[in-house]
Amino acid sequence: MGPEAAAELYRRIIRLFQRKYDAKYDDDFPEILLMSIPLPDVVEKPQEIEKIELMLTNGVKNLEIAGADFIVIPCNTVTYFLPAMRKAVSISLIDIVEETAKEVANQKLRKVGLLATEFTVNRKLYNRVLPRVGFVFPRKKEQMKVTSAIMNVLSGRKKQKDRKLLRQLIEKMTRLGAEKVILGCTEIPLLTGKSRTVIDTLDVLAKAAVRESTKPSGL
């Protein structure tokens, strides 16, 4: 979730195996099950909360039945539903927000910017795991533009004006004291590209997936 972010996560996992483990043949790579769930909107106006939770819990159950050893979800917003999902299965669910918080702690950052969906910001999904870290958020009108940019990616439109907007917001947050800016929506890295000033949550999750899949008890 969304489909492009899931496809990009898959690609990054494969690239990491190629670079870190010199993977070449098909059996050099882990077995991967990809499930794309057609959730109701979780970006613009999330309203069907109970339906979303039910679809997510059914999704992780199906992945467990299919033989998954662990699950990664390339979406920051739906980590709000992780407690319910974790209760539904006996296998591990890796939390993209918690993994990103570990990266913030490893880099000893004291103040970060956050570009994410309004739901992620309003539900304080990052504040709860980084209680001692200061945050810089977009203003209300800026957040509306961030949401619009995310929706454009979801509909297959990667607009230059959106790239420019997000890069300007990253620069602004840095001027306001953010040591790094968390790209807290997995569609955003598809627009911004690589930068030393950001923490790309897709990269963080890809590394976590590779880490888990190479454990002795992994895939």
Protein backbone atom coordinates (compact mmCIF):
# COMPACT_ATOMS: atom_id res chain seq x y z
CA MET A 1 0.00 0.00 0.00
CA GLY A 2 -0.06 1.86 -2.19
CA PRO A 3 0.60 -0.30 -5.25
CA GLU A 4 3.55 1.77 -6.56
CA ALA A 5 5.18 1.91 -3.14
CA ALA A 6 4.80 -1.87 -2.79
CA ALA A 7 6.38 -2.40 -6.20
CA GLU A 8 9.25 -0.06 -5.27
CA LEU A 9 9.80 -1.86 -1.97
CA TYR A 10 10.08 -5.16 -3.85
CA ARG A 11 12.62 -3.61 -6.22
CA ARG A 12 14.72 -2.21 -3.36
CA ILE A 13 14.76 -5.55 -1.53
CA ILE A 14 16.04 -7.22 -4.70
CA ARG A 15 18.71 -4.51 -5.18
CA LEU A 16 19.91 -4.97 -1.59
CA PHE A 17 20.34 -8.70 -2.12
CA GLN A 18 22.29 -8.03 -5.31
CA ARG A 19 24.58 -5.46 -3.68
CA LYS A 20 25.02 -7.00 -0.23
CA TYR A 21 24.99 -10.71 -1.03
CA ASP A 22 25.94 -10.72 -4.74
CA ALA A 23 22.61 -12.38 -5.53
CA LYS A 24 22.51 -13.51 -9.14
CA TYR A 25 20.51 -16.71 -9.55
CA ASP A 26 16.83 -17.07 -8.69
CA ASP A 27 17.64 -19.13 -5.60
CA ASP A 28 19.91 -16.35 -4.29
CA PHE A 29 16.81 -14.27 -3.54
CA PRO A 30 14.21 -14.77 -0.80
CA GLU A 31 10.75 -16.11 -1.50
CA ILE A 32 8.40 -13.10 -1.49
CA LEU A 33 4.61 -13.05 -1.33
CA LEU A 34 3.12 -9.77 -2.51
CA MET A 35 -0.42 -8.89 -1.49
CA SER A 36 -2.01 -5.61 -2.59
CA ILE A 37 -5.19 -4.81 -0.66
CA PRO A 38 -7.77 -2.40 -2.18
CA LEU A 39 -8.35 -0.42 1.00
CA PRO A 40 -10.80 2.46 1.30
CA ASP A 41 -9.03 5.84 1.22
CA VAL A 42 -6.47 6.32 4.00
CA VAL A 43 -4.91 9.51 2.59
CA GLU A 44 -7.50 12.19 1.88
CA LYS A 45 -10.44 11.40 4.17
CA PRO A 46 -10.06 8.14 6.08
CA GLN A 47 -13.59 7.36 7.29
CA GLU A 48 -14.19 3.63 7.09
CA ILE A 49 -11.91 2.81 10.02
CA GLU A 50 -13.61 -0.45 11.01
CA LYS A 51 -13.65 -1.70 7.41
CA ILE A 52 -9.97 -0.80 6.96
CA GLU A 53 -9.02 -2.70 10.13
CA LEU A 54 -11.00 -5.76 9.05
CA MET A 55 -9.43 -5.81 5.59
CA LEU A 56 -5.93 -5.47 7.05
CA THR A 57 -6.41 -8.21 9.65
CA ASN A 58 -7.82 -10.54 6.98
CA GLY A 59 -4.86 -9.66 4.77
CA VAL A 60 -2.21 -10.60 7.32
CA LYS A 61 -4.10 -13.80 8.16
CA ASN A 62 -4.03 -14.76 4.49
CA LEU A 63 -0.28 -14.09 4.29
CA GLU A 64 0.33 -16.26 7.34
CA ILE A 65 -1.78 -19.06 5.81
CA ALA A 66 0.22 -18.68 2.57
CA GLY A 67 3.41 -19.41 4.51
CA ALA A 68 4.96 -16.02 5.28
CA ASP A 69 7.49 -15.99 8.12
CA PHE A 70 7.07 -12.25 8.68
CA ILE A 71 5.24 -9.32 7.11
CA VAL A 72 6.33 -5.85 6.03
CA ILE A 73 3.83 -3.17 5.03
CA PRO A 74 5.12 -0.25 2.92
CA CYS A 75 2.67 2.24 4.40
CA ASN A 76 3.22 4.49 7.40
CA THR A 77 -0.44 5.40 7.84
CA VAL A 78 -1.76 1.88 8.44
CA THR A 79 0.67 1.28 11.31
CA TYR A 80 -2.17 2.79 13.33
CA PHE A 81 -3.87 -0.60 12.88
CA LEU A 82 -0.82 -2.72 13.78
CA PRO A 83 -2.07 -3.71 17.27
CA ALA A 84 -5.14 -5.35 15.71
CA MET A 85 -3.08 -6.96 12.95
CA ARG A 86 -0.56 -8.34 15.43
CA LYS A 87 -3.34 -9.91 17.46
CA ALA A 88 -4.65 -11.64 14.33
CA VAL A 89 -1.47 -13.62 13.53
CA SER A 90 1.37 -15.44 15.27
CA ILE A 91 4.10 -14.25 12.87
CA SER A 92 6.06 -11.01 13.15
CA LEU A 93 4.86 -7.74 11.60
CA ILE A 94 7.66 -5.23 11.11
CA ASP A 95 6.56 -1.68 11.91
CA ILE A 96 7.92 0.87 9.40
CA VAL A 97 7.46 3.65 11.96
CA GLU A 98 9.33 1.79 14.72
CA GLU A 99 12.14 0.91 12.31
CA THR A 100 12.42 4.55 11.28
CA ALA A 101 12.49 5.61 14.93
CA LYS A 102 15.47 3.28 15.44
CA GLU A 103 17.22 5.02 12.55
CA VAL A 104 16.55 8.43 14.11
CA ALA A 105 17.97 7.15 17.41
CA ASN A 106 21.02 5.61 15.68
CA GLN A 107 21.77 8.96 14.07
CA LYS A 108 21.26 10.70 17.44
CA LEU A 109 18.88 13.23 15.91
CA ARG A 110 17.19 15.71 18.23
CA LYS A 111 14.86 17.44 15.78
CA VAL A 112 13.32 16.10 12.58
CA GLY A 113 10.85 17.20 9.95
CA LEU A 114 7.94 14.97 8.96
CA LEU A 115 6.30 14.75 5.56
CA ALA A 116 3.41 12.32 5.77
CA THR A 117 -0.32 11.89 5.36
CA GLU A 118 -2.56 14.04 7.52
CA PHE A 119 -3.71 10.88 9.32
CA THR A 120 -0.12 9.99 10.26
CA VAL A 121 0.52 13.52 11.51
CA ASN A 122 -2.76 13.97 13.38
CA ARG A 123 -2.64 10.54 15.05
CA LYS A 124 0.93 11.34 16.16
CA LEU A 125 2.24 7.99 14.92
CA TYR A 126 5.82 9.27 15.02
CA ASN A 127 5.48 11.31 18.19
CA ARG A 128 4.55 8.17 20.14
CA VAL A 129 7.78 6.36 19.20
CA LEU A 130 10.01 9.46 19.38
CA PRO A 131 8.77 11.26 22.53
CA ARG A 132 12.09 13.04 23.15
CA VAL A 133 12.56 14.28 19.59
CA GLY A 134 11.34 17.66 18.37
CA PHE A 135 9.29 17.82 15.17
CA VAL A 136 8.83 20.29 12.34
CA PHE A 137 5.53 19.87 10.47
CA PRO A 138 4.16 21.51 7.35
CA ARG A 139 1.59 24.25 7.88
CA LYS A 140 -2.07 23.41 7.21
CA LYS A 141 -2.05 24.68 3.59
CA GLU A 142 1.29 22.99 2.96
CA GLN A 143 -0.09 19.72 4.34
CA MET A 144 -2.99 19.94 1.89
CA LYS A 145 -0.48 20.24 -0.95
CA VAL A 146 1.48 17.26 0.39
CA THR A 147 -1.74 15.23 0.39
CA SER A 148 -2.43 16.31 -3.20
CA ALA A 149 1.07 15.23 -4.24
CA ILE A 150 0.58 11.81 -2.63
CA MET A 151 -2.76 11.35 -4.40
CA ASN A 152 -1.13 12.26 -7.71
CA VAL A 153 1.47 9.50 -7.24
CA LEU A 154 -1.29 7.02 -6.36
CA SER A 155 -3.02 7.90 -9.63
CA GLY A 156 0.18 7.54 -11.66
CA ARG A 157 0.92 11.24 -12.09
CA LYS A 158 4.39 12.24 -10.91
CA LYS A 159 4.23 15.96 -11.50
CA GLN A 160 7.23 18.26 -11.58
CA LYS A 161 5.38 20.83 -9.46
CA ASP A 162 4.93 18.18 -6.75
CA ARG A 163 8.63 17.30 -6.83
CA LYS A 164 9.47 20.99 -6.50
CA LEU A 165 6.99 21.47 -3.64
CA LEU A 166 8.33 18.56 -1.60
CA ARG A 167 11.95 19.57 -2.12
CA GLN A 168 11.11 23.13 -1.07
CA LEU A 169 9.40 21.83 2.08
CA ILE A 170 12.45 19.71 2.91
CA GLU A 171 14.68 22.76 2.53
CA LYS A 172 12.30 24.87 4.64
CA MET A 173 12.19 22.26 7.43
CA THR A 174 15.97 22.12 7.43
CA ARG A 175 16.11 25.91 7.79
CA LEU A 176 13.68 25.61 10.72
CA GLY A 177 16.10 23.32 12.54
CA ALA A 178 15.28 19.82 11.34
CA GLU A 179 18.48 17.78 11.19
CA LYS A 180 16.79 15.31 8.84
CA VAL A 181 13.32 15.10 7.28
CA ILE A 182 11.42 11.82 7.56
CA LEU A 183 9.67 10.88 4.34
CA GLY A 184 6.82 9.39 6.35
CA CYS A 185 4.67 8.35 3.41
CA THR A 186 6.03 5.73 1.04
CA GLU A 187 4.75 7.57 -2.03
CA ILE A 188 6.88 10.64 -1.23
CA PRO A 189 10.30 9.05 -1.98
CA LEU A 190 8.97 8.22 -5.45
CA LEU A 191 8.94 11.99 -6.07
CA THR A 192 11.83 13.40 -4.08
CA GLY A 193 14.60 10.99 -5.01
CA LYS A 194 17.71 10.46 -2.87
CA SER A 195 19.06 13.11 -0.52
CA ARG A 196 21.37 13.26 2.48
CA THR A 197 18.87 15.48 4.26
CA VAL A 198 16.10 12.87 4.45
CA ILE A 199 15.29 9.53 6.04
CA ASP A 200 13.55 7.45 3.40
CA THR A 201 11.11 5.10 5.14
CA LEU A 202 11.01 2.83 2.08
CA ASP A 203 14.77 2.32 2.36
CA VAL A 204 14.46 1.70 6.09
CA LEU A 205 11.79 -0.96 5.55
CA ALA A 206 13.68 -2.64 2.70
CA LYS A 207 16.74 -3.00 4.94
CA ALA A 208 14.58 -4.41 7.74
CA ALA A 209 13.06 -6.95 5.35
CA VAL A 210 16.50 -8.08 4.18
CA ARG A 211 17.70 -8.30 7.78
CA GLU A 212 14.76 -10.49 8.79
CA SER A 213 14.89 -12.70 5.72
CA THR A 214 18.57 -13.51 6.24
CA LYS A 215 18.18 -14.64 9.84
CA PRO A 216 18.69 -18.40 10.37
CA SER A 217 14.98 -18.79 11.06
CA GLY A 218 13.99 -16.50 8.15
CA LEU A 219 13.02 -17.24 4.58
